[in-house]
Each structure stands twice: as C-alpha cells, then as structure tokens.
Amino acid sequence: MYWTTYMLRYLEEHADEGAEAIAEALGCSVHAVEVQASRYGVSLRKRWRCPRCGMVTFRPLSTVTGWCSNCTKEARRDRIAEEVRALEEEVRRQEREDRERQRLYSRKHRAKKKLRKREK
C-alpha cells in the first residue's frame, strides 16, 4: 500500500486515538498503520485529555467524573475535607454540651449536699 502525505499527516495528528481508529478512518489494515507508525517513530498509544486541567494522560478518564485521576482525587479530597469539618463541628458541639451538662450535675450535687448538711 502506498501512503500519501495526507495519510502520514493524519497518522501523526491522530496517533493518540490508536491504530484501530486510524485504520478505520484511512481504510487500511491495523497492521499497515502499526508498521507505518513504527517506521516514522510515531507512538500509537492511546491518550486522553482531561477537560478540567487540560493534562494529557495515558490512563483512561474516570467514568464517574470524566476527569483525569489527579483531578478526581482533588475533588474527592475536597469532599472529604468538608465532611471532616462537619464531623469536627459536631464533636465540638457534643463536647460543649457534655461539659455544660456535667456543670449542671455538679451544681445539683453541691446543692443537695448543702441541704443534707443543714438538715443534720
């Protein structure tokens, strides 16, 4: 098969889509695309661009968020940090309430103790 300059340019520009996609677009075999890419030193390894940060990655984007793994981890970290803040606030409220309740129990106990002393 004879490769035209258009086909070679297409191979270089769309190398990140993989050999199968290029072969289908150019109407040739996957093997022909792989051989031509090898001759010109073009990597056919699939790549994805993250829509959030613009980074090109060799790992598929997350199916849940559609972002790269780093952006997904950052978003998850932010959600976890918010949950931690909420839990810490709840703990502080409980501790404050426990201290206040204990203070009242102590006052009650001291008052009862005074009453018992007066009765004797």
C-alpha atoms as a PDB file:
ATOM      1  CA  MET A   1       0.000   0.000   0.000  1.00  0.00           C
ATOM      2  CA  TYR A   2       1.254   3.464  -0.907  1.00  0.00           C
ATOM      3  CA  TRP A   3       0.997   6.076   1.850  1.00  0.00           C
ATOM      4  CA  THR A   4       0.197   9.632   0.763  1.00  0.00           C
ATOM      5  CA  THR A   5       1.359  12.716   2.648  1.00  0.00           C
ATOM      6  CA  TYR A   6      -2.235  13.232   3.774  1.00  0.00           C
ATOM      7  CA  MET A   7      -2.324   9.749   5.292  1.00  0.00           C
ATOM      8  CA  LEU A   8       1.022  10.258   7.047  1.00  0.00           C
ATOM      9  CA  ARG A   9      -0.110  13.622   8.426  1.00  0.00           C
ATOM     10  CA  TYR A  10      -3.358  12.028   9.603  1.00  0.00           C
ATOM     11  CA  LEU A  11      -1.355   9.249  11.271  1.00  0.00           C
ATOM     12  CA  GLU A  12       0.785  11.782  13.181  1.00  0.00           C
ATOM     13  CA  GLU A  13      -2.144  14.028  14.169  1.00  0.00           C
ATOM     14  CA  HIS A  14      -4.421  11.199  15.303  1.00  0.00           C
ATOM     15  CA  ALA A  15      -1.827   8.832  16.784  1.00  0.00           C
ATOM     16  CA  ASP A  16      -3.368   9.210  20.243  1.00  0.00           C
ATOM     17  CA  GLU A  17      -6.620   7.630  19.021  1.00  0.00           C
ATOM     18  CA  GLY A  18      -4.993   4.232  18.492  1.00  0.00           C
ATOM     19  CA  ALA A  19      -4.220   2.045  15.488  1.00  0.00           C
ATOM     20  CA  GLU A  20      -7.763   0.700  15.106  1.00  0.00           C
ATOM     21  CA  ALA A  21      -9.358   4.143  14.781  1.00  0.00           C
ATOM     22  CA  ILE A  22      -6.717   5.335  12.304  1.00  0.00           C
ATOM     23  CA  ALA A  23      -7.025   2.171  10.211  1.00  0.00           C
ATOM     24  CA  GLU A  24     -10.783   2.590  10.051  1.00  0.00           C
ATOM     25  CA  ALA A  25     -10.522   6.272   9.084  1.00  0.00           C
ATOM     26  CA  LEU A  26      -7.911   5.673   6.380  1.00  0.00           C
ATOM     27  CA  GLY A  27      -9.413   2.442   5.067  1.00  0.00           C
ATOM     28  CA  CYS A  28      -6.374   0.236   5.619  1.00  0.00           C
ATOM     29  CA  SER A  29      -5.390  -2.577   7.945  1.00  0.00           C
ATOM     30  CA  VAL A  30      -4.341  -2.154  11.551  1.00  0.00           C
ATOM     31  CA  HIS A  31      -1.053  -3.878  10.742  1.00  0.00           C
ATOM     32  CA  ALA A  32      -0.299  -1.349   7.965  1.00  0.00           C
ATOM     33  CA  VAL A  33      -0.890   1.516  10.403  1.00  0.00           C
ATOM     34  CA  GLU A  34       1.344  -0.108  13.030  1.00  0.00           C
ATOM     35  CA  VAL A  35       4.171  -0.679  10.532  1.00  0.00           C
ATOM     36  CA  GLN A  36       3.986   2.880   9.189  1.00  0.00           C
ATOM     37  CA  ALA A  37       3.919   4.323  12.715  1.00  0.00           C
ATOM     38  CA  SER A  38       6.958   2.239  13.609  1.00  0.00           C
ATOM     39  CA  ARG A  39       8.841   3.489  10.535  1.00  0.00           C
ATOM     40  CA  TYR A  40       8.166   7.133  11.396  1.00  0.00           C
ATOM     41  CA  GLY A  41       8.629   6.728  15.156  1.00  0.00           C
ATOM     42  CA  VAL A  42       5.046   7.645  15.980  1.00  0.00           C
ATOM     43  CA  SER A  43       3.591   6.237  19.198  1.00  0.00           C
ATOM     44  CA  LEU A  44       0.117   4.775  18.764  1.00  0.00           C
ATOM     45  CA  ARG A  45      -0.525   4.585  22.486  1.00  0.00           C
ATOM     46  CA  LYS A  46      -3.959   5.995  23.304  1.00  0.00           C
ATOM     47  CA  ARG A  47      -4.072   9.286  25.199  1.00  0.00           C
ATOM     48  CA  TRP A  48      -6.860  11.254  26.795  1.00  0.00           C
ATOM     49  CA  ARG A  49      -7.081  14.964  27.573  1.00  0.00           C
ATOM     50  CA  CYS A  50      -8.662  15.947  30.873  1.00  0.00           C
ATOM     51  CA  PRO A  51     -11.384  18.579  30.315  1.00  0.00           C
ATOM     52  CA  ARG A  52     -10.780  20.074  33.768  1.00  0.00           C
ATOM     53  CA  CYS A  53      -7.000  20.622  33.817  1.00  0.00           C
ATOM     54  CA  GLY A  54      -6.061  20.010  30.172  1.00  0.00           C
ATOM     55  CA  MET A  55      -3.429  17.402  31.030  1.00  0.00           C
ATOM     56  CA  VAL A  56      -2.816  14.631  28.506  1.00  0.00           C
ATOM     57  CA  THR A  57      -2.749  11.235  30.190  1.00  0.00           C
ATOM     58  CA  PHE A  58      -2.245   7.660  29.074  1.00  0.00           C
ATOM     59  CA  ARG A  59      -4.786   6.408  31.615  1.00  0.00           C
ATOM     60  CA  PRO A  60      -8.479   6.483  30.673  1.00  0.00           C
ATOM     61  CA  LEU A  61     -10.515   9.281  32.216  1.00  0.00           C
ATOM     62  CA  SER A  62     -12.768   8.475  35.147  1.00  0.00           C
ATOM     63  CA  THR A  63     -16.145   7.127  34.072  1.00  0.00           C
ATOM     64  CA  VAL A  64     -17.787   8.877  37.037  1.00  0.00           C
ATOM     65  CA  THR A  65     -16.335  12.393  36.719  1.00  0.00           C
ATOM     66  CA  GLY A  66     -14.871  12.351  33.209  1.00  0.00           C
ATOM     67  CA  TRP A  67     -11.626  13.815  34.619  1.00  0.00           C
ATOM     68  CA  CYS A  68      -8.077  12.515  34.966  1.00  0.00           C
ATOM     69  CA  SER A  69      -7.137  10.632  38.125  1.00  0.00           C
ATOM     70  CA  ASN A  70      -5.460  13.680  39.710  1.00  0.00           C
ATOM     71  CA  CYS A  71      -8.490  15.942  39.238  1.00  0.00           C
ATOM     72  CA  THR A  72     -10.763  13.190  40.545  1.00  0.00           C
ATOM     73  CA  LYS A  73      -8.559  12.754  43.629  1.00  0.00           C
ATOM     74  CA  GLU A  74      -8.516  16.529  44.236  1.00  0.00           C
ATOM     75  CA  ALA A  75     -12.306  16.704  44.049  1.00  0.00           C
ATOM     76  CA  ARG A  76     -12.640  13.726  46.378  1.00  0.00           C
ATOM     77  CA  ARG A  77     -10.141  15.277  48.810  1.00  0.00           C
ATOM     78  CA  ASP A  78     -12.209  18.477  48.903  1.00  0.00           C
ATOM     79  CA  ARG A  79     -15.382  16.496  49.657  1.00  0.00           C
ATOM     80  CA  ILE A  80     -13.645  14.514  52.385  1.00  0.00           C
ATOM     81  CA  ALA A  81     -12.246  17.713  53.932  1.00  0.00           C
ATOM     82  CA  GLU A  82     -15.758  19.171  54.074  1.00  0.00           C
ATOM     83  CA  GLU A  83     -17.078  16.003  55.735  1.00  0.00           C
ATOM     84  CA  VAL A  84     -14.244  16.146  58.285  1.00  0.00           C
ATOM     85  CA  ARG A  85     -15.031  19.785  59.103  1.00  0.00           C
ATOM     86  CA  ALA A  86     -18.689  18.904  59.641  1.00  0.00           C
ATOM     87  CA  LEU A  87     -17.805  15.950  61.879  1.00  0.00           C
ATOM     88  CA  GLU A  88     -15.341  18.030  63.897  1.00  0.00           C
ATOM     89  CA  GLU A  89     -18.005  20.689  64.450  1.00  0.00           C
ATOM     90  CA  GLU A  90     -20.427  18.007  65.631  1.00  0.00           C
ATOM     91  CA  VAL A  91     -17.811  16.658  68.073  1.00  0.00           C
ATOM     92  CA  ARG A  92     -17.154  20.175  69.416  1.00  0.00           C
ATOM     93  CA  ARG A  93     -20.893  20.700  69.958  1.00  0.00           C
ATOM     94  CA  GLN A  94     -21.206  17.381  71.787  1.00  0.00           C
ATOM     95  CA  GLU A  95     -18.201  18.154  73.996  1.00  0.00           C
ATOM     96  CA  ARG A  96     -19.608  21.602  74.793  1.00  0.00           C
ATOM     97  CA  GLU A  97     -22.980  20.081  75.671  1.00  0.00           C
ATOM     98  CA  ASP A  98     -21.347  17.372  77.804  1.00  0.00           C
ATOM     99  CA  ARG A  99     -19.363  19.999  79.742  1.00  0.00           C
ATOM    100  CA  GLU A 100     -22.491  22.090  80.318  1.00  0.00           C
ATOM    101  CA  ARG A 101     -24.474  19.040  81.433  1.00  0.00           C
ATOM    102  CA  GLN A 102     -21.668  17.969  83.778  1.00  0.00           C
ATOM    103  CA  ARG A 103     -21.508  21.504  85.202  1.00  0.00           C
ATOM    104  CA  LEU A 104     -25.234  21.347  85.967  1.00  0.00           C
ATOM    105  CA  TYR A 105     -24.931  17.891  87.565  1.00  0.00           C
ATOM    106  CA  SER A 106     -22.120  19.196  89.766  1.00  0.00           C
ATOM    107  CA  ARG A 107     -24.191  22.219  90.837  1.00  0.00           C
ATOM    108  CA  LYS A 108     -27.120  19.940  91.616  1.00  0.00           C
ATOM    109  CA  HIS A 109     -24.907  17.609  93.667  1.00  0.00           C
ATOM    110  CA  ARG A 110     -23.395  20.525  95.633  1.00  0.00           C
ATOM    111  CA  ALA A 111     -26.864  21.943  96.314  1.00  0.00           C
ATOM    112  CA  LYS A 112     -28.120  18.567  97.613  1.00  0.00           C
ATOM    113  CA  LYS A 113     -25.011  18.231  99.760  1.00  0.00           C
ATOM    114  CA  LYS A 114     -25.670  21.654 101.337  1.00  0.00           C
ATOM    115  CA  LEU A 115     -29.271  20.690 102.044  1.00  0.00           C
ATOM    116  CA  ARG A 116     -28.189  17.479 103.777  1.00  0.00           C
ATOM    117  CA  LYS A 117     -25.732  19.416 105.974  1.00  0.00           C
ATOM    118  CA  ARG A 118     -28.469  21.849 107.032  1.00  0.00           C
ATOM    119  CA  GLU A 119     -30.827  19.012 107.923  1.00  0.00           C
ATOM    120  CA  LYS A 120     -28.351  17.491 110.340  1.00  0.00           C
END
